Amino acid sequence: MEGLQQIEVSIFNWLIQNCSEYAFELKKQLSLAVVTEREFTNGGGVFVSIAIPVECKNNILKKNDYLEGPLIKSSQLDSGALVTVNISKDGLVEHFEIFSLAGDYPKSQHVVNYELSLPTFQTVDIR
């Protein structure tokens, strides 16, 4: 087990700042989070499994839910990447996924130079 890497810390800080409904619970859980596994896919992104200690059992989030995280912009990615945080049936952060929008996420390490922002999507009416 190991600690969070810089981009992971940045993502969680972004969530704490931008998910005001859950800010206190996220801050408590993520301050004690330990990474149990990182699984880099073949350019698609990475799954990061998290262990949250039992001391956080009183700081639970909505059970069996997920949080939409930031858009990751980086010169290493053509179209950026999105983040989804999964919440367990116990209301604890279970894992999160970073997925590249163009299938070009590094295959063995996180992007180094990045910016996090609120995802915005344009829709086109094709009627």
N, C-alpha and C. Protein backbone atom coordinates (compact mmCIF):
# COMPACT_ATOMS: atom_id res chain seq x y z
N MET A 1 0.84 -1.18 0.00
CA MET A 1 0.00 0.00 0.00
C MET A 1 0.89 1.24 0.00
N GLU A 2 0.40 2.26 -0.66
CA GLU A 2 1.18 3.48 -0.74
C GLU A 2 0.28 4.71 -0.70
N GLY A 3 0.92 5.84 -0.59
CA GLY A 3 0.19 7.09 -0.52
C GLY A 3 -0.27 7.56 -1.89
N LEU A 4 -0.98 8.64 -1.87
CA LEU A 4 -1.50 9.23 -3.10
C LEU A 4 -0.39 9.96 -3.85
N GLN A 5 -0.42 9.89 -5.17
CA GLN A 5 0.51 10.63 -6.00
C GLN A 5 -0.04 12.05 -6.22
N GLN A 6 0.79 12.94 -6.72
CA GLN A 6 0.43 14.36 -6.81
C GLN A 6 -0.89 14.60 -7.53
N ILE A 7 -1.11 14.00 -8.69
CA ILE A 7 -2.35 14.26 -9.42
C ILE A 7 -3.56 13.73 -8.64
N GLU A 8 -3.37 12.64 -7.91
CA GLU A 8 -4.46 12.09 -7.11
C GLU A 8 -4.83 13.03 -5.97
N VAL A 9 -3.83 13.61 -5.33
CA VAL A 9 -4.07 14.61 -4.29
C VAL A 9 -4.79 15.81 -4.89
N SER A 10 -4.34 16.25 -6.05
CA SER A 10 -4.97 17.40 -6.72
C SER A 10 -6.43 17.12 -7.05
N ILE A 11 -6.71 15.91 -7.52
CA ILE A 11 -8.09 15.54 -7.84
C ILE A 11 -8.95 15.58 -6.58
N PHE A 12 -8.45 15.03 -5.48
CA PHE A 12 -9.24 15.01 -4.25
C PHE A 12 -9.42 16.42 -3.68
N ASN A 13 -8.39 17.25 -3.78
CA ASN A 13 -8.55 18.64 -3.34
C ASN A 13 -9.59 19.36 -4.20
N TRP A 14 -9.60 19.09 -5.49
CA TRP A 14 -10.61 19.66 -6.39
C TRP A 14 -12.00 19.22 -5.96
N LEU A 15 -12.15 17.93 -5.66
CA LEU A 15 -13.45 17.41 -5.22
C LEU A 15 -13.90 18.08 -3.93
N ILE A 16 -13.00 18.23 -2.98
CA ILE A 16 -13.34 18.87 -1.71
C ILE A 16 -13.81 20.30 -1.94
N GLN A 17 -13.16 21.01 -2.85
CA GLN A 17 -13.52 22.40 -3.14
C GLN A 17 -14.81 22.51 -3.95
N ASN A 18 -15.09 21.52 -4.80
CA ASN A 18 -16.21 21.64 -5.73
C ASN A 18 -17.42 20.80 -5.41
N CYS A 19 -17.35 19.95 -4.42
CA CYS A 19 -18.49 19.12 -3.99
C CYS A 19 -18.86 19.53 -2.58
N SER A 20 -19.37 20.74 -2.45
CA SER A 20 -19.60 21.31 -1.11
C SER A 20 -20.53 20.45 -0.26
N GLU A 21 -21.45 19.73 -0.89
CA GLU A 21 -22.38 18.87 -0.15
C GLU A 21 -21.63 17.80 0.65
N TYR A 22 -20.49 17.35 0.12
CA TYR A 22 -19.73 16.27 0.75
C TYR A 22 -18.34 16.70 1.22
N ALA A 23 -18.06 17.99 1.24
CA ALA A 23 -16.71 18.47 1.51
C ALA A 23 -16.13 17.93 2.81
N PHE A 24 -16.88 17.99 3.90
CA PHE A 24 -16.36 17.55 5.20
C PHE A 24 -16.04 16.07 5.17
N GLU A 25 -16.98 15.25 4.65
CA GLU A 25 -16.78 13.80 4.61
C GLU A 25 -15.62 13.42 3.70
N LEU A 26 -15.54 14.07 2.54
CA LEU A 26 -14.43 13.80 1.62
C LEU A 26 -13.09 14.14 2.26
N LYS A 27 -13.03 15.29 2.90
CA LYS A 27 -11.78 15.72 3.52
C LYS A 27 -11.33 14.72 4.59
N LYS A 28 -12.25 14.25 5.40
CA LYS A 28 -11.92 13.29 6.45
C LYS A 28 -11.45 11.97 5.85
N GLN A 29 -12.22 11.45 4.88
CA GLN A 29 -11.86 10.17 4.27
C GLN A 29 -10.53 10.25 3.53
N LEU A 30 -10.39 11.28 2.71
CA LEU A 30 -9.22 11.34 1.84
C LEU A 30 -7.94 11.71 2.58
N SER A 31 -8.07 12.31 3.75
CA SER A 31 -6.87 12.61 4.53
C SER A 31 -6.23 11.32 5.05
N LEU A 32 -7.00 10.25 5.11
CA LEU A 32 -6.50 8.97 5.61
C LEU A 32 -6.42 7.90 4.52
N ALA A 33 -6.68 8.28 3.28
CA ALA A 33 -6.73 7.32 2.18
C ALA A 33 -5.37 6.70 1.90
N VAL A 34 -5.40 5.42 1.57
CA VAL A 34 -4.20 4.69 1.16
C VAL A 34 -4.52 3.99 -0.15
N VAL A 35 -3.62 4.09 -1.10
CA VAL A 35 -3.80 3.42 -2.39
C VAL A 35 -3.45 1.95 -2.23
N THR A 36 -4.36 1.08 -2.63
CA THR A 36 -4.10 -0.36 -2.56
C THR A 36 -3.70 -0.93 -3.92
N GLU A 37 -4.08 -0.22 -5.00
CA GLU A 37 -3.72 -0.70 -6.34
C GLU A 37 -3.92 0.41 -7.36
N ARG A 38 -3.03 0.45 -8.34
CA ARG A 38 -3.18 1.30 -9.52
C ARG A 38 -3.12 0.38 -10.73
N GLU A 39 -4.15 0.44 -11.55
CA GLU A 39 -4.16 -0.39 -12.75
C GLU A 39 -4.26 0.51 -13.98
N PHE A 40 -3.12 0.70 -14.62
CA PHE A 40 -3.08 1.49 -15.85
C PHE A 40 -3.55 0.60 -16.99
N THR A 41 -4.47 1.13 -17.78
CA THR A 41 -4.96 0.37 -18.92
C THR A 41 -4.13 0.74 -20.14
N ASN A 42 -4.42 0.16 -21.25
CA ASN A 42 -3.63 0.36 -22.46
C ASN A 42 -3.98 1.69 -23.13
N GLY A 43 -3.72 2.79 -22.44
CA GLY A 43 -4.00 4.12 -22.98
C GLY A 43 -5.36 4.67 -22.61
N GLY A 44 -6.22 3.81 -22.06
CA GLY A 44 -7.57 4.27 -21.71
C GLY A 44 -7.61 5.08 -20.43
N GLY A 45 -6.68 4.85 -19.53
CA GLY A 45 -6.67 5.57 -18.27
C GLY A 45 -6.10 4.73 -17.15
N VAL A 46 -6.66 4.93 -15.96
CA VAL A 46 -6.15 4.22 -14.79
C VAL A 46 -7.26 4.06 -13.76
N PHE A 47 -7.28 2.91 -13.10
CA PHE A 47 -8.16 2.67 -11.96
C PHE A 47 -7.29 2.74 -10.71
N VAL A 48 -7.72 3.51 -9.73
CA VAL A 48 -6.96 3.63 -8.48
C VAL A 48 -7.86 3.16 -7.34
N SER A 49 -7.50 2.03 -6.73
CA SER A 49 -8.27 1.49 -5.61
C SER A 49 -7.78 2.12 -4.32
N ILE A 50 -8.73 2.47 -3.45
CA ILE A 50 -8.43 3.22 -2.23
C ILE A 50 -8.94 2.44 -1.02
N ALA A 51 -8.15 2.43 0.04
CA ALA A 51 -8.61 1.89 1.33
C ALA A 51 -8.81 3.07 2.27
N ILE A 52 -9.97 3.10 2.90
CA ILE A 52 -10.30 4.14 3.87
C ILE A 52 -10.42 3.46 5.23
N PRO A 53 -9.70 3.93 6.24
CA PRO A 53 -9.74 3.29 7.56
C PRO A 53 -11.13 3.35 8.21
N VAL A 54 -11.38 2.43 9.10
CA VAL A 54 -12.68 2.36 9.78
C VAL A 54 -12.97 3.60 10.62
N GLU A 55 -11.94 4.38 10.94
CA GLU A 55 -12.19 5.61 11.71
C GLU A 55 -13.13 6.55 10.97
N CYS A 56 -13.30 6.34 9.67
CA CYS A 56 -14.14 7.22 8.86
C CYS A 56 -15.59 6.74 8.77
N LYS A 57 -15.93 5.70 9.52
CA LYS A 57 -17.28 5.13 9.38
C LYS A 57 -18.38 6.12 9.72
N ASN A 58 -18.07 7.18 10.46
CA ASN A 58 -19.06 8.20 10.77
C ASN A 58 -19.06 9.35 9.76
N ASN A 59 -18.19 9.29 8.79
CA ASN A 59 -18.09 10.33 7.77
C ASN A 59 -18.40 9.74 6.40
N ILE A 60 -19.60 9.21 6.27
CA ILE A 60 -19.95 8.50 5.04
C ILE A 60 -20.60 9.42 4.01
N LEU A 61 -20.48 8.99 2.76
CA LEU A 61 -21.08 9.67 1.63
C LEU A 61 -22.34 8.89 1.23
N LYS A 62 -23.05 9.36 0.23
CA LYS A 62 -24.22 8.64 -0.26
C LYS A 62 -23.78 7.25 -0.75
N LYS A 63 -24.36 6.22 -0.19
CA LYS A 63 -23.93 4.85 -0.47
C LYS A 63 -24.22 4.43 -1.90
N ASN A 64 -23.33 3.57 -2.45
CA ASN A 64 -23.46 3.05 -3.81
C ASN A 64 -23.67 4.15 -4.84
N ASP A 65 -22.89 5.19 -4.73
CA ASP A 65 -23.04 6.34 -5.61
C ASP A 65 -21.70 6.62 -6.28
N TYR A 66 -21.64 7.69 -7.03
CA TYR A 66 -20.38 8.12 -7.61
C TYR A 66 -20.38 9.64 -7.68
N LEU A 67 -19.21 10.21 -7.77
CA LEU A 67 -19.03 11.65 -7.92
C LEU A 67 -18.31 11.90 -9.24
N GLU A 68 -18.80 12.87 -9.98
CA GLU A 68 -18.10 13.28 -11.20
C GLU A 68 -16.97 14.21 -10.79
N GLY A 69 -15.77 13.88 -11.20
CA GLY A 69 -14.62 14.69 -10.87
C GLY A 69 -14.28 15.69 -11.96
N PRO A 70 -13.08 16.20 -11.92
CA PRO A 70 -12.68 17.25 -12.87
C PRO A 70 -12.32 16.72 -14.25
N LEU A 71 -12.22 17.64 -15.17
CA LEU A 71 -11.62 17.39 -16.47
C LEU A 71 -10.12 17.65 -16.29
N ILE A 72 -9.31 16.72 -16.75
CA ILE A 72 -7.85 16.88 -16.70
C ILE A 72 -7.39 17.34 -18.08
N LYS A 73 -6.79 18.51 -18.12
CA LYS A 73 -6.21 19.02 -19.37
C LYS A 73 -4.69 18.92 -19.24
N SER A 74 -4.06 18.41 -20.29
CA SER A 74 -2.61 18.23 -20.26
C SER A 74 -2.07 18.22 -21.68
N SER A 75 -0.86 18.73 -21.85
CA SER A 75 -0.23 18.67 -23.17
C SER A 75 0.07 17.22 -23.56
N GLN A 76 0.02 16.30 -22.58
CA GLN A 76 0.26 14.88 -22.84
C GLN A 76 -0.99 14.17 -23.36
N LEU A 77 -2.14 14.87 -23.36
CA LEU A 77 -3.41 14.28 -23.77
C LEU A 77 -4.05 15.12 -24.87
N ASP A 78 -4.46 14.49 -25.96
CA ASP A 78 -5.08 15.23 -27.05
C ASP A 78 -6.39 15.88 -26.65
N SER A 79 -7.24 15.14 -25.94
CA SER A 79 -8.58 15.64 -25.62
C SER A 79 -8.87 15.72 -24.13
N GLY A 80 -7.89 15.45 -23.31
CA GLY A 80 -8.10 15.48 -21.86
C GLY A 80 -8.59 14.15 -21.32
N ALA A 81 -8.93 14.16 -20.04
CA ALA A 81 -9.42 12.95 -19.37
C ALA A 81 -10.44 13.38 -18.31
N LEU A 82 -11.34 12.48 -17.98
CA LEU A 82 -12.34 12.72 -16.95
C LEU A 82 -12.10 11.80 -15.77
N VAL A 83 -12.66 12.17 -14.64
CA VAL A 83 -12.49 11.41 -13.41
C VAL A 83 -13.86 11.06 -12.84
N THR A 84 -14.03 9.82 -12.41
CA THR A 84 -15.22 9.38 -11.69
C THR A 84 -14.76 8.71 -10.40
N VAL A 85 -15.37 9.12 -9.28
CA VAL A 85 -15.06 8.55 -7.97
C VAL A 85 -16.22 7.66 -7.56
N ASN A 86 -15.93 6.40 -7.25
CA ASN A 86 -16.98 5.45 -6.86
C ASN A 86 -17.05 5.32 -5.35
N ILE A 87 -18.27 5.33 -4.85
CA ILE A 87 -18.54 5.23 -3.41
C ILE A 87 -19.10 3.83 -3.13
N SER A 88 -18.59 3.18 -2.11
CA SER A 88 -19.00 1.81 -1.77
C SER A 88 -20.37 1.78 -1.10
N LYS A 89 -20.87 0.56 -0.89
CA LYS A 89 -22.14 0.38 -0.18
C LYS A 89 -22.05 0.84 1.27
N ASP A 90 -20.82 1.02 1.76
CA ASP A 90 -20.61 1.52 3.12
C ASP A 90 -20.49 3.04 3.17
N GLY A 91 -20.54 3.69 2.00
CA GLY A 91 -20.45 5.14 1.96
C GLY A 91 -19.03 5.68 2.01
N LEU A 92 -18.06 4.82 1.67
CA LEU A 92 -16.65 5.22 1.67
C LEU A 92 -16.12 5.26 0.24
N VAL A 93 -15.17 6.16 -0.02
CA VAL A 93 -14.53 6.18 -1.33
C VAL A 93 -13.88 4.82 -1.54
N GLU A 94 -14.21 4.19 -2.65
CA GLU A 94 -13.73 2.84 -2.94
C GLU A 94 -12.62 2.86 -3.99
N HIS A 95 -12.86 3.55 -5.06
CA HIS A 95 -11.84 3.71 -6.09
C HIS A 95 -12.24 4.87 -6.99
N PHE A 96 -11.31 5.30 -7.78
CA PHE A 96 -11.65 6.28 -8.80
C PHE A 96 -11.00 5.90 -10.11
N GLU A 97 -11.59 6.41 -11.16
CA GLU A 97 -11.13 6.11 -12.51
C GLU A 97 -10.81 7.40 -13.23
N ILE A 98 -9.67 7.43 -13.87
CA ILE A 98 -9.32 8.49 -14.79
C ILE A 98 -9.42 7.86 -16.17
N PHE A 99 -10.23 8.44 -17.05
CA PHE A 99 -10.35 7.85 -18.38
C PHE A 99 -10.12 8.92 -19.44
N SER A 100 -9.23 8.60 -20.34
CA SER A 100 -8.85 9.50 -21.41
C SER A 100 -9.96 9.59 -22.45
N LEU A 101 -10.22 10.79 -22.92
CA LEU A 101 -11.25 10.99 -23.93
C LEU A 101 -10.79 10.56 -25.32
N ALA A 102 -9.47 10.41 -25.51
CA ALA A 102 -8.93 10.02 -26.81
C ALA A 102 -8.13 8.72 -26.74
N GLY A 103 -8.14 8.03 -25.61
CA GLY A 103 -7.41 6.77 -25.48
C GLY A 103 -5.91 6.93 -25.48
N ASP A 104 -5.43 8.09 -24.99
CA ASP A 104 -3.99 8.35 -25.04
C ASP A 104 -3.39 8.63 -23.67
N TYR A 105 -3.97 8.06 -22.60
CA TYR A 105 -3.41 8.26 -21.27
C TYR A 105 -2.11 7.46 -21.15
N PRO A 106 -1.10 8.00 -20.47
CA PRO A 106 0.14 7.23 -20.31
C PRO A 106 -0.13 5.83 -19.74
N LYS A 107 0.65 4.86 -20.17
CA LYS A 107 0.37 3.46 -19.85
C LYS A 107 1.01 2.96 -18.56
N SER A 108 1.86 3.79 -17.92
CA SER A 108 2.50 3.30 -16.70
C SER A 108 2.65 4.36 -15.61
N GLN A 109 2.27 5.59 -15.90
CA GLN A 109 2.37 6.65 -14.89
C GLN A 109 1.36 7.75 -15.23
N HIS A 110 1.05 8.57 -14.25
CA HIS A 110 0.12 9.68 -14.47
C HIS A 110 0.76 10.78 -15.31
N VAL A 111 -0.11 11.61 -15.90
CA VAL A 111 0.39 12.81 -16.58
C VAL A 111 1.08 13.69 -15.53
N VAL A 112 2.05 14.46 -15.96
CA VAL A 112 2.84 15.27 -15.03
C VAL A 112 2.36 16.71 -15.02
N ASN A 113 2.25 17.32 -16.17
CA ASN A 113 1.78 18.71 -16.27
C ASN A 113 0.30 18.68 -16.61
N TYR A 114 -0.51 19.25 -15.74
CA TYR A 114 -1.96 19.16 -15.94
C TYR A 114 -2.66 20.34 -15.29
N GLU A 115 -3.89 20.51 -15.68
CA GLU A 115 -4.77 21.52 -15.10
C GLU A 115 -6.12 20.84 -14.89
N LEU A 116 -6.75 21.10 -13.76
CA LEU A 116 -8.06 20.52 -13.47
C LEU A 116 -9.12 21.60 -13.61
N SER A 117 -10.23 21.25 -14.23
CA SER A 117 -11.30 22.21 -14.41
C SER A 117 -12.65 21.50 -14.39
N LEU A 118 -13.68 22.28 -14.28
CA LEU A 118 -15.04 21.75 -14.31
C LEU A 118 -15.33 21.28 -15.73
N PRO A 119 -15.76 20.04 -15.91
CA PRO A 119 -16.05 19.56 -17.26
C PRO A 119 -17.22 20.33 -17.88
N THR A 120 -17.06 20.71 -19.12
CA THR A 120 -18.15 21.33 -19.88
C THR A 120 -18.24 20.61 -21.21
N PHE A 121 -19.44 20.39 -21.64
CA PHE A 121 -19.65 19.68 -22.89
C PHE A 121 -20.56 20.49 -23.79
N GLN A 122 -20.26 20.52 -25.06
CA GLN A 122 -21.11 21.18 -26.01
C GLN A 122 -21.99 20.13 -26.66
N THR A 123 -23.25 20.46 -26.81
CA THR A 123 -24.15 19.57 -27.51
C THR A 123 -24.53 20.21 -28.83
N VAL A 124 -24.76 19.40 -29.81
CA VAL A 124 -25.12 19.87 -31.14
C VAL A 124 -26.47 19.27 -31.49
N ASP A 125 -27.38 20.12 -31.87
CA ASP A 125 -28.70 19.66 -32.30
C ASP A 125 -28.59 19.24 -33.75
N ILE A 126 -28.79 17.95 -34.04
CA ILE A 126 -28.65 17.44 -35.40
C ILE A 126 -30.00 17.18 -36.06
N ARG A 127 -31.03 17.80 -35.51
CA ARG A 127 -32.36 17.61 -36.13
C ARG A 127 -32.42 18.26 -37.48
